[in-house]
């Protein structure tokens, strides 16, 4: 996933494909790979990203929905959005 993000977001005009304003991207600074497994990221995502609030304005959490005991994609998204909103602000509407 890290290589895919680097390749996609590293393109000069990636923002156009995403339908947003231009943004700076440095894969060494802007991609963080958690050393934990998906269920642990699900439970501890706020703490994993708190360090980056000093240097970054936004965060995106990507997690696989298929793990033992997974509550499913919709429940994972709702849980992470709620937790992230407490630290990073509400998720912008599309």
PDB file of N, CA and C in Angstrom:
ATOM      1  N   UNK A   1       0.825  -1.182   0.000  1.00  0.00           N
ATOM      2  CA  UNK A   1       0.000   0.000   0.000  1.00  0.00           C
ATOM      3  C   UNK A   1       0.877   1.257   0.000  1.00  0.00           C
ATOM      4  N   UNK A   2       1.982   1.210   0.730  1.00  0.00           N
ATOM      5  CA  UNK A   2       2.883   2.357   0.797  1.00  0.00           C
ATOM      6  C   UNK A   2       3.413   2.721  -0.588  1.00  0.00           C
ATOM      7  N   UNK A   3       3.820   1.742  -1.361  1.00  0.00           N
ATOM      8  CA  UNK A   3       4.349   2.003  -2.704  1.00  0.00           C
ATOM      9  C   UNK A   3       3.269   2.551  -3.629  1.00  0.00           C
ATOM     10  N   UNK A   4       2.049   2.046  -3.498  1.00  0.00           N
ATOM     11  CA  UNK A   4       0.942   2.536  -4.309  1.00  0.00           C
ATOM     12  C   UNK A   4       0.667   4.009  -4.010  1.00  0.00           C
ATOM     13  N   UNK A   5       0.639   4.362  -2.737  1.00  0.00           N
ATOM     14  CA  UNK A   5       0.405   5.759  -2.363  1.00  0.00           C
ATOM     15  C   UNK A   5       1.525   6.661  -2.853  1.00  0.00           C
ATOM     16  N   UNK A   6       2.747   6.213  -2.704  1.00  0.00           N
ATOM     17  CA  UNK A   6       3.901   6.982  -3.166  1.00  0.00           C
ATOM     18  C   UNK A   6       3.792   7.229  -4.669  1.00  0.00           C
ATOM     19  N   UNK A   7       3.490   6.181  -5.422  1.00  0.00           N
ATOM     20  CA  UNK A   7       3.386   6.326  -6.870  1.00  0.00           C
ATOM     21  C   UNK A   7       2.235   7.219  -7.295  1.00  0.00           C
ATOM     22  N   UNK A   8       1.099   7.066  -6.663  1.00  0.00           N
ATOM     23  CA  UNK A   8      -0.083   7.838  -7.046  1.00  0.00           C
ATOM     24  C   UNK A   8       0.027   9.292  -6.610  1.00  0.00           C
ATOM     25  N   UNK A   9       0.314   9.519  -5.341  1.00  0.00           N
ATOM     26  CA  UNK A   9       0.359  10.883  -4.812  1.00  0.00           C
ATOM     27  C   UNK A   9       1.625  11.632  -5.198  1.00  0.00           C
ATOM     28  N   UNK A  10       2.636  10.911  -5.627  1.00  0.00           N
ATOM     29  CA  UNK A  10       3.881  11.543  -6.041  1.00  0.00           C
ATOM     30  C   UNK A  10       3.825  12.149  -7.428  1.00  0.00           C
ATOM     31  N   UNK A  11       2.759  11.872  -8.160  1.00  0.00           N
ATOM     32  CA  UNK A  11       2.603  12.460  -9.485  1.00  0.00           C
ATOM     33  C   UNK A  11       2.346  13.959  -9.370  1.00  0.00           C
ATOM     34  N   UNK A  12       2.839  14.704 -10.337  1.00  0.00           N
ATOM     35  CA  UNK A  12       2.740  16.161 -10.290  1.00  0.00           C
ATOM     36  C   UNK A  12       1.298  16.665 -10.216  1.00  0.00           C
ATOM     37  N   UNK A  13       0.385  15.990 -10.887  1.00  0.00           N
ATOM     38  CA  UNK A  13      -0.998  16.462 -10.935  1.00  0.00           C
ATOM     39  C   UNK A  13      -1.969  15.514 -10.230  1.00  0.00           C
ATOM     40  N   UNK A  14      -1.528  14.864  -9.182  1.00  0.00           N
ATOM     41  CA  UNK A  14      -2.379  13.920  -8.450  1.00  0.00           C
ATOM     42  C   UNK A  14      -3.632  14.605  -7.908  1.00  0.00           C
ATOM     43  N   UNK A  15      -3.503  15.852  -7.525  1.00  0.00           N
ATOM     44  CA  UNK A  15      -4.652  16.565  -6.956  1.00  0.00           C
ATOM     45  C   UNK A  15      -5.813  16.668  -7.937  1.00  0.00           C
ATOM     46  N   UNK A  16      -5.515  16.754  -9.223  1.00  0.00           N
ATOM     47  CA  UNK A  16      -6.589  16.839 -10.213  1.00  0.00           C
ATOM     48  C   UNK A  16      -7.407  15.553 -10.241  1.00  0.00           C
ATOM     49  N   UNK A  17      -6.722  14.410 -10.191  1.00  0.00           N
ATOM     50  CA  UNK A  17      -7.424  13.122 -10.189  1.00  0.00           C
ATOM     51  C   UNK A  17      -8.257  12.956  -8.922  1.00  0.00           C
ATOM     52  N   UNK A  18      -7.818  13.573  -7.839  1.00  0.00           N
ATOM     53  CA  UNK A  18      -8.542  13.489  -6.571  1.00  0.00           C
ATOM     54  C   UNK A  18      -9.652  14.533  -6.464  1.00  0.00           C
ATOM     55  N   UNK A  19      -9.622  15.501  -7.376  1.00  0.00           N
ATOM     56  CA  UNK A  19     -10.645  16.545  -7.357  1.00  0.00           C
ATOM     57  C   UNK A  19     -10.476  17.516  -6.215  1.00  0.00           C
ATOM     58  N   UNK A  20      -9.225  17.843  -5.885  1.00  0.00           N
ATOM     59  CA  UNK A  20      -8.986  18.774  -4.781  1.00  0.00           C
ATOM     60  C   UNK A  20      -7.914  19.786  -5.182  1.00  0.00           C
ATOM     61  N   UNK A  21      -7.637  20.700  -4.287  1.00  0.00           N
ATOM     62  CA  UNK A  21      -6.596  21.702  -4.526  1.00  0.00           C
ATOM     63  C   UNK A  21      -5.214  21.042  -4.507  1.00  0.00           C
ATOM     64  N   UNK A  22      -4.272  21.687  -5.105  1.00  0.00           N
ATOM     65  CA  UNK A  22      -2.886  21.224  -5.122  1.00  0.00           C
ATOM     66  C   UNK A  22      -2.358  21.106  -3.688  1.00  0.00           C
ATOM     67  N   UNK A  23      -1.499  20.128  -3.448  1.00  0.00           N
ATOM     68  CA  UNK A  23      -0.927  19.952  -2.115  1.00  0.00           C
ATOM     69  C   UNK A  23       0.489  19.405  -2.248  1.00  0.00           C
ATOM     70  N   UNK A  24       1.312  19.726  -1.268  1.00  0.00           N
ATOM     71  CA  UNK A  24       2.668  19.201  -1.230  1.00  0.00           C
ATOM     72  C   UNK A  24       2.649  17.763  -0.738  1.00  0.00           C
ATOM     73  N   UNK A  25       3.552  16.946  -1.236  1.00  0.00           N
ATOM     74  CA  UNK A  25       3.609  15.548  -0.817  1.00  0.00           C
ATOM     75  C   UNK A  25       5.056  15.084  -0.815  1.00  0.00           C
ATOM     76  N   UNK A  26       5.494  14.585   0.318  1.00  0.00           N
ATOM     77  CA  UNK A  26       6.820  13.997   0.468  1.00  0.00           C
ATOM     78  C   UNK A  26       6.621  12.615   1.081  1.00  0.00           C
ATOM     79  N   UNK A  27       6.839  11.549   0.301  1.00  0.00           N
ATOM     80  CA  UNK A  27       6.556  10.210   0.829  1.00  0.00           C
ATOM     81  C   UNK A  27       7.321   9.875   2.105  1.00  0.00           C
ATOM     82  N   UNK A  28       8.484  10.443   2.285  1.00  0.00           N
ATOM     83  CA  UNK A  28       9.249  10.165   3.503  1.00  0.00           C
ATOM     84  C   UNK A  28       8.638  10.831   4.732  1.00  0.00           C
ATOM     85  N   UNK A  29       7.948  11.938   4.511  1.00  0.00           N
ATOM     86  CA  UNK A  29       7.329  12.680   5.615  1.00  0.00           C
ATOM     87  C   UNK A  29       5.834  12.395   5.758  1.00  0.00           C
ATOM     88  N   UNK A  30       5.190  12.026   4.650  1.00  0.00           N
ATOM     89  CA  UNK A  30       3.735  12.003   4.630  1.00  0.00           C
ATOM     90  C   UNK A  30       3.091  10.620   4.643  1.00  0.00           C
ATOM     91  N   UNK A  31       3.859   9.565   4.493  1.00  0.00           N
ATOM     92  CA  UNK A  31       3.307   8.216   4.596  1.00  0.00           C
ATOM     93  C   UNK A  31       3.860   7.574   5.861  1.00  0.00           C
ATOM     94  N   UNK A  32       2.958   7.185   6.717  1.00  0.00           N
ATOM     95  CA  UNK A  32       3.334   6.532   7.966  1.00  0.00           C
ATOM     96  C   UNK A  32       2.738   5.132   7.950  1.00  0.00           C
ATOM     97  N   UNK A  33       3.579   4.141   8.102  1.00  0.00           N
ATOM     98  CA  UNK A  33       3.107   2.763   8.137  1.00  0.00           C
ATOM     99  C   UNK A  33       3.164   2.295   9.589  1.00  0.00           C
ATOM    100  N   UNK A  34       2.020   1.931  10.106  1.00  0.00           N
ATOM    101  CA  UNK A  34       1.946   1.480  11.498  1.00  0.00           C
ATOM    102  C   UNK A  34       2.658   0.144  11.644  1.00  0.00           C
ATOM    103  N   UNK A  35       3.331  -0.023  12.739  1.00  0.00           N
ATOM    104  CA  UNK A  35       4.024  -1.288  12.996  1.00  0.00           C
ATOM    105  C   UNK A  35       3.069  -2.306  13.618  1.00  0.00           C
ATOM    106  N   UNK A  36       1.822  -1.933  13.772  1.00  0.00           N
ATOM    107  CA  UNK A  36       0.819  -2.799  14.389  1.00  0.00           C
ATOM    108  C   UNK A  36      -0.058  -3.448  13.319  1.00  0.00           C
ATOM    109  N   UNK A  37      -0.747  -4.467  13.716  1.00  0.00           N
ATOM    110  CA  UNK A  37      -1.688  -5.136  12.815  1.00  0.00           C
ATOM    111  C   UNK A  37      -2.997  -4.346  12.759  1.00  0.00           C
ATOM    112  N   UNK A  38      -3.806  -4.626  11.733  1.00  0.00           N
ATOM    113  CA  UNK A  38      -5.047  -3.880  11.530  1.00  0.00           C
ATOM    114  C   UNK A  38      -5.945  -3.795  12.758  1.00  0.00           C
ATOM    115  N   UNK A  39      -6.188  -4.887  13.495  1.00  0.00           N
ATOM    116  CA  UNK A  39      -7.047  -4.753  14.682  1.00  0.00           C
ATOM    117  C   UNK A  39      -6.476  -3.791  15.731  1.00  0.00           C
ATOM    118  N   UNK A  40      -5.159  -3.732  15.850  1.00  0.00           N
ATOM    119  CA  UNK A  40      -4.540  -2.811  16.806  1.00  0.00           C
ATOM    120  C   UNK A  40      -4.640  -1.372  16.311  1.00  0.00           C
ATOM    121  N   UNK A  41      -4.499  -1.167  15.004  1.00  0.00           N
ATOM    122  CA  UNK A  41      -4.663   0.168  14.446  1.00  0.00           C
ATOM    123  C   UNK A  41      -6.097   0.637  14.666  1.00  0.00           C
ATOM    124  N   UNK A  42      -7.040  -0.269  14.482  1.00  0.00           N
ATOM    125  CA  UNK A  42      -8.455   0.042  14.718  1.00  0.00           C
ATOM    126  C   UNK A  42      -8.655   0.549  16.149  1.00  0.00           C
ATOM    127  N   UNK A  43      -8.035  -0.080  17.093  1.00  0.00           N
ATOM    128  CA  UNK A  43      -8.213   0.296  18.490  1.00  0.00           C
ATOM    129  C   UNK A  43      -7.365   1.459  18.963  1.00  0.00           C
ATOM    130  N   UNK A  44      -6.251   1.727  18.291  1.00  0.00           N
ATOM    131  CA  UNK A  44      -5.298   2.736  18.785  1.00  0.00           C
ATOM    132  C   UNK A  44      -4.948   3.806  17.759  1.00  0.00           C
ATOM    133  N   UNK A  45      -5.777   4.010  16.753  1.00  0.00           N
ATOM    134  CA  UNK A  45      -5.439   4.943  15.678  1.00  0.00           C
ATOM    135  C   UNK A  45      -5.205   6.369  16.165  1.00  0.00           C
ATOM    136  N   UNK A  46      -5.936   6.809  17.154  1.00  0.00           N
ATOM    137  CA  UNK A  46      -5.743   8.182  17.635  1.00  0.00           C
ATOM    138  C   UNK A  46      -4.338   8.382  18.194  1.00  0.00           C
ATOM    139  N   UNK A  47      -3.886   7.475  19.002  1.00  0.00           N
ATOM    140  CA  UNK A  47      -2.558   7.587  19.587  1.00  0.00           C
ATOM    141  C   UNK A  47      -1.450   7.461  18.560  1.00  0.00           C
ATOM    142  N   UNK A  48      -1.672   6.655  17.530  1.00  0.00           N
ATOM    143  CA  UNK A  48      -0.649   6.461  16.504  1.00  0.00           C
ATOM    144  C   UNK A  48      -0.405   7.723  15.692  1.00  0.00           C
ATOM    145  N   UNK A  49      -1.436   8.549  15.548  1.00  0.00           N
ATOM    146  CA  UNK A  49      -1.311   9.740  14.708  1.00  0.00           C
ATOM    147  C   UNK A  49      -1.140  11.041  15.480  1.00  0.00           C
ATOM    148  N   UNK A  50      -1.244  11.007  16.799  1.00  0.00           N
ATOM    149  CA  UNK A  50      -1.194  12.244  17.579  1.00  0.00           C
ATOM    150  C   UNK A  50       0.110  13.013  17.378  1.00  0.00           C
ATOM    151  N   UNK A  51       1.213  12.321  17.194  1.00  0.00           N
ATOM    152  CA  UNK A  51       2.502  12.978  16.984  1.00  0.00           C
ATOM    153  C   UNK A  51       2.489  13.875  15.743  1.00  0.00           C
ATOM    154  N   UNK A  52       1.742  13.496  14.745  1.00  0.00           N
ATOM    155  CA  UNK A  52       1.754  14.204  13.461  1.00  0.00           C
ATOM    156  C   UNK A  52       0.880  15.451  13.445  1.00  0.00           C
ATOM    157  N   UNK A  53       0.123  15.696  14.483  1.00  0.00           N
ATOM    158  CA  UNK A  53      -0.694  16.901  14.526  1.00  0.00           C
ATOM    159  C   UNK A  53       0.156  18.169  14.550  1.00  0.00           C
ATOM    160  N   UNK A  54       1.368  18.065  15.021  1.00  0.00           N
ATOM    161  CA  UNK A  54       2.270  19.221  15.049  1.00  0.00           C
ATOM    162  C   UNK A  54       2.757  19.603  13.649  1.00  0.00           C
ATOM    163  N   UNK A  55       2.849  18.628  12.753  1.00  0.00           N
ATOM    164  CA  UNK A  55       3.460  18.857  11.440  1.00  0.00           C
ATOM    165  C   UNK A  55       2.511  18.703  10.263  1.00  0.00           C
ATOM    166  N   UNK A  56       1.326  18.153  10.486  1.00  0.00           N
ATOM    167  CA  UNK A  56       0.400  17.889   9.390  1.00  0.00           C
ATOM    168  C   UNK A  56      -0.981  18.458   9.708  1.00  0.00           C
ATOM    169  N   UNK A  57      -1.685  18.899   8.662  1.00  0.00           N
ATOM    170  CA  UNK A  57      -3.020  19.458   8.833  1.00  0.00           C
ATOM    171  C   UNK A  57      -4.105  18.396   8.724  1.00  0.00           C
ATOM    172  N   UNK A  58      -3.832  17.322   8.001  1.00  0.00           N
ATOM    173  CA  UNK A  58      -4.835  16.291   7.762  1.00  0.00           C
ATOM    174  C   UNK A  58      -4.198  14.912   7.871  1.00  0.00           C
ATOM    175  N   UNK A  59      -5.062  13.923   8.071  1.00  0.00           N
ATOM    176  CA  UNK A  59      -4.587  12.539   8.117  1.00  0.00           C
ATOM    177  C   UNK A  59      -5.615  11.634   7.438  1.00  0.00           C
ATOM    178  N   UNK A  60      -5.128  10.599   6.826  1.00  0.00           N
ATOM    179  CA  UNK A  60      -5.979   9.577   6.221  1.00  0.00           C
ATOM    180  C   UNK A  60      -5.554   8.245   6.814  1.00  0.00           C
ATOM    181  N   UNK A  61      -6.517   7.485   7.282  1.00  0.00           N
ATOM    182  CA  UNK A  61      -6.240   6.166   7.840  1.00  0.00           C
ATOM    183  C   UNK A  61      -6.729   5.128   6.837  1.00  0.00           C
ATOM    184  N   UNK A  62      -5.851   4.213   6.466  1.00  0.00           N
ATOM    185  CA  UNK A  62      -6.222   3.119   5.564  1.00  0.00           C
ATOM    186  C   UNK A  62      -6.001   1.817   6.311  1.00  0.00           C
ATOM    187  N   UNK A  63      -7.030   0.985   6.333  1.00  0.00           N
ATOM    188  CA  UNK A  63      -6.964  -0.250   7.090  1.00  0.00           C
ATOM    189  C   UNK A  63      -7.725  -1.327   6.325  1.00  0.00           C
ATOM    190  N   UNK A  64      -7.227  -2.536   6.391  1.00  0.00           N
ATOM    191  CA  UNK A  64      -7.887  -3.675   5.763  1.00  0.00           C
ATOM    192  C   UNK A  64      -9.072  -4.072   6.633  1.00  0.00           C
ATOM    193  N   UNK A  65     -10.206  -4.340   6.021  1.00  0.00           N
ATOM    194  CA  UNK A  65     -11.395  -4.703   6.796  1.00  0.00           C
ATOM    195  C   UNK A  65     -11.472  -6.184   7.131  1.00  0.00           C
ATOM    196  N   UNK A  66     -10.623  -7.001   6.540  1.00  0.00           N
ATOM    197  CA  UNK A  66     -10.732  -8.452   6.711  1.00  0.00           C
ATOM    198  C   UNK A  66      -9.701  -8.951   7.714  1.00  0.00           C
ATOM    199  N   UNK A  67     -10.120  -9.083   8.962  1.00  0.00           N
ATOM    200  CA  UNK A  67      -9.323  -9.683  10.018  1.00  0.00           C
ATOM    201  C   UNK A  67     -10.275 -10.350  10.996  1.00  0.00           C
ATOM    202  N   UNK A  68      -9.767 -11.297  11.718  1.00  0.00           N
ATOM    203  CA  UNK A  68     -10.609 -12.048  12.646  1.00  0.00           C
ATOM    204  C   UNK A  68     -11.235 -11.119  13.674  1.00  0.00           C
ATOM    205  N   UNK A  69     -12.537 -11.158  13.770  1.00  0.00           N
ATOM    206  CA  UNK A  69     -13.249 -10.300  14.706  1.00  0.00           C
ATOM    207  C   UNK A  69     -13.594  -8.934  14.151  1.00  0.00           C
ATOM    208  N   UNK A  70     -13.326  -8.702  12.870  1.00  0.00           N
ATOM    209  CA  UNK A  70     -13.617  -7.411  12.256  1.00  0.00           C
ATOM    210  C   UNK A  70     -15.101  -7.090  12.344  1.00  0.00           C
ATOM    211  N   UNK A  71     -15.431  -5.847  12.694  1.00  0.00           N
ATOM    212  CA  UNK A  71     -16.836  -5.464  12.730  1.00  0.00           C
ATOM    213  C   UNK A  71     -17.379  -5.108  11.342  1.00  0.00           C
ATOM    214  N   UNK A  72     -16.521  -5.143  10.326  1.00  0.00           N
ATOM    215  CA  UNK A  72     -16.935  -4.806   8.966  1.00  0.00           C
ATOM    216  C   UNK A  72     -16.538  -3.395   8.585  1.00  0.00           C
ATOM    217  N   UNK A  73     -16.502  -3.156   7.280  1.00  0.00           N
ATOM    218  CA  UNK A  73     -15.996  -1.888   6.738  1.00  0.00           C
ATOM    219  C   UNK A  73     -16.755  -0.669   7.266  1.00  0.00           C
ATOM    220  N   UNK A  74     -18.071  -0.722   7.285  1.00  0.00           N
ATOM    221  CA  UNK A  74     -18.850   0.444   7.720  1.00  0.00           C
ATOM    222  C   UNK A  74     -18.607   0.769   9.196  1.00  0.00           C
ATOM    223  N   UNK A  75     -18.548  -0.253  10.026  1.00  0.00           N
ATOM    224  CA  UNK A  75     -18.312  -0.024  11.460  1.00  0.00           C
ATOM    225  C   UNK A  75     -16.886   0.475  11.702  1.00  0.00           C
ATOM    226  N   UNK A  76     -15.930  -0.062  10.950  1.00  0.00           N
ATOM    227  CA  UNK A  76     -14.541   0.404  11.077  1.00  0.00           C
ATOM    228  C   UNK A  76     -14.453   1.872  10.702  1.00  0.00           C
ATOM    229  N   UNK A  77     -15.053   2.237   9.560  1.00  0.00           N
ATOM    230  CA  UNK A  77     -15.009   3.630   9.108  1.00  0.00           C
ATOM    231  C   UNK A  77     -15.655   4.563  10.121  1.00  0.00           C
ATOM    232  N   UNK A  78     -16.822   4.184  10.650  1.00  0.00           N
ATOM    233  CA  UNK A  78     -17.517   5.032  11.627  1.00  0.00           C
ATOM    234  C   UNK A  78     -16.680   5.212  12.889  1.00  0.00           C
ATOM    235  N   UNK A  79     -16.074   4.134  13.370  1.00  0.00           N
ATOM    236  CA  UNK A  79     -15.260   4.187  14.590  1.00  0.00           C
ATOM    237  C   UNK A  79     -14.032   5.085  14.392  1.00  0.00           C
ATOM    238  N   UNK A  80     -13.353   4.922  13.274  1.00  0.00           N
ATOM    239  CA  UNK A  80     -12.146   5.711  13.022  1.00  0.00           C
ATOM    240  C   UNK A  80     -12.503   7.171  12.757  1.00  0.00           C
ATOM    241  N   UNK A  81     -13.565   7.427  12.011  1.00  0.00           N
ATOM    242  CA  UNK A  81     -13.985   8.811  11.762  1.00  0.00           C
ATOM    243  C   UNK A  81     -14.323   9.526  13.072  1.00  0.00           C
ATOM    244  N   UNK A  82     -15.021   8.853  13.952  1.00  0.00           N
ATOM    245  CA  UNK A  82     -15.372   9.454  15.239  1.00  0.00           C
ATOM    246  C   UNK A  82     -14.122   9.777  16.057  1.00  0.00           C
ATOM    247  N   UNK A  83     -13.197   8.841  16.132  1.00  0.00           N
ATOM    248  CA  UNK A  83     -11.962   9.071  16.868  1.00  0.00           C
ATOM    249  C   UNK A  83     -11.098  10.160  16.258  1.00  0.00           C
ATOM    250  N   UNK A  84     -10.983  10.155  14.946  1.00  0.00           N
ATOM    251  CA  UNK A  84     -10.169  11.158  14.272  1.00  0.00           C
ATOM    252  C   UNK A  84     -10.776  12.547  14.407  1.00  0.00           C
ATOM    253  N   UNK A  85     -12.098  12.635  14.368  1.00  0.00           N
ATOM    254  CA  UNK A  85     -12.757  13.935  14.490  1.00  0.00           C
ATOM    255  C   UNK A  85     -12.450  14.598  15.827  1.00  0.00           C
ATOM    256  N   UNK A  86     -12.246  13.800  16.864  1.00  0.00           N
ATOM    257  CA  UNK A  86     -11.921  14.355  18.178  1.00  0.00           C
ATOM    258  C   UNK A  86     -10.575  15.067  18.174  1.00  0.00           C
ATOM    259  N   UNK A  87      -9.629  14.575  17.384  1.00  0.00           N
ATOM    260  CA  UNK A  87      -8.293  15.165  17.341  1.00  0.00           C
ATOM    261  C   UNK A  87      -8.052  16.066  16.131  1.00  0.00           C
ATOM    262  N   UNK A  88      -8.606  15.693  14.990  1.00  0.00           N
ATOM    263  CA  UNK A  88      -8.281  16.353  13.730  1.00  0.00           C
ATOM    264  C   UNK A  88      -9.425  17.195  13.176  1.00  0.00           C
ATOM    265  N   UNK A  89     -10.588  17.152  13.786  1.00  0.00           N
ATOM    266  CA  UNK A  89     -11.749  17.875  13.274  1.00  0.00           C
ATOM    267  C   UNK A  89     -12.612  16.934  12.452  1.00  0.00           C
ATOM    268  N   UNK A  90     -13.820  17.386  12.119  1.00  0.00           N
ATOM    269  CA  UNK A  90     -14.759  16.526  11.396  1.00  0.00           C
ATOM    270  C   UNK A  90     -14.275  16.178   9.988  1.00  0.00           C
ATOM    271  N   UNK A  91     -14.727  15.044   9.504  1.00  0.00           N
ATOM    272  CA  UNK A  91     -14.407  14.614   8.143  1.00  0.00           C
ATOM    273  C   UNK A  91     -15.134  15.534   7.182  1.00  0.00           C
ATOM    274  N   UNK A  92     -14.415  16.137   6.203  1.00  0.00           N
ATOM    275  CA  UNK A  92     -15.089  17.031   5.255  1.00  0.00           C
ATOM    276  C   UNK A  92     -16.082  16.279   4.384  1.00  0.00           C
ATOM    277  N   UNK A  93     -17.157  16.936   4.023  1.00  0.00           N
ATOM    278  CA  UNK A  93     -18.142  16.341   3.117  1.00  0.00           C
ATOM    279  C   UNK A  93     -17.571  16.296   1.714  1.00  0.00           C
ATOM    280  N   UNK A  94     -17.939  15.254   0.945  1.00  0.00           N
ATOM    281  CA  UNK A  94     -17.432  15.169  -0.443  1.00  0.00           C
ATOM    282  C   UNK A  94     -17.998  16.235  -1.329  1.00  0.00           C
TER     283      UNK A  94
END
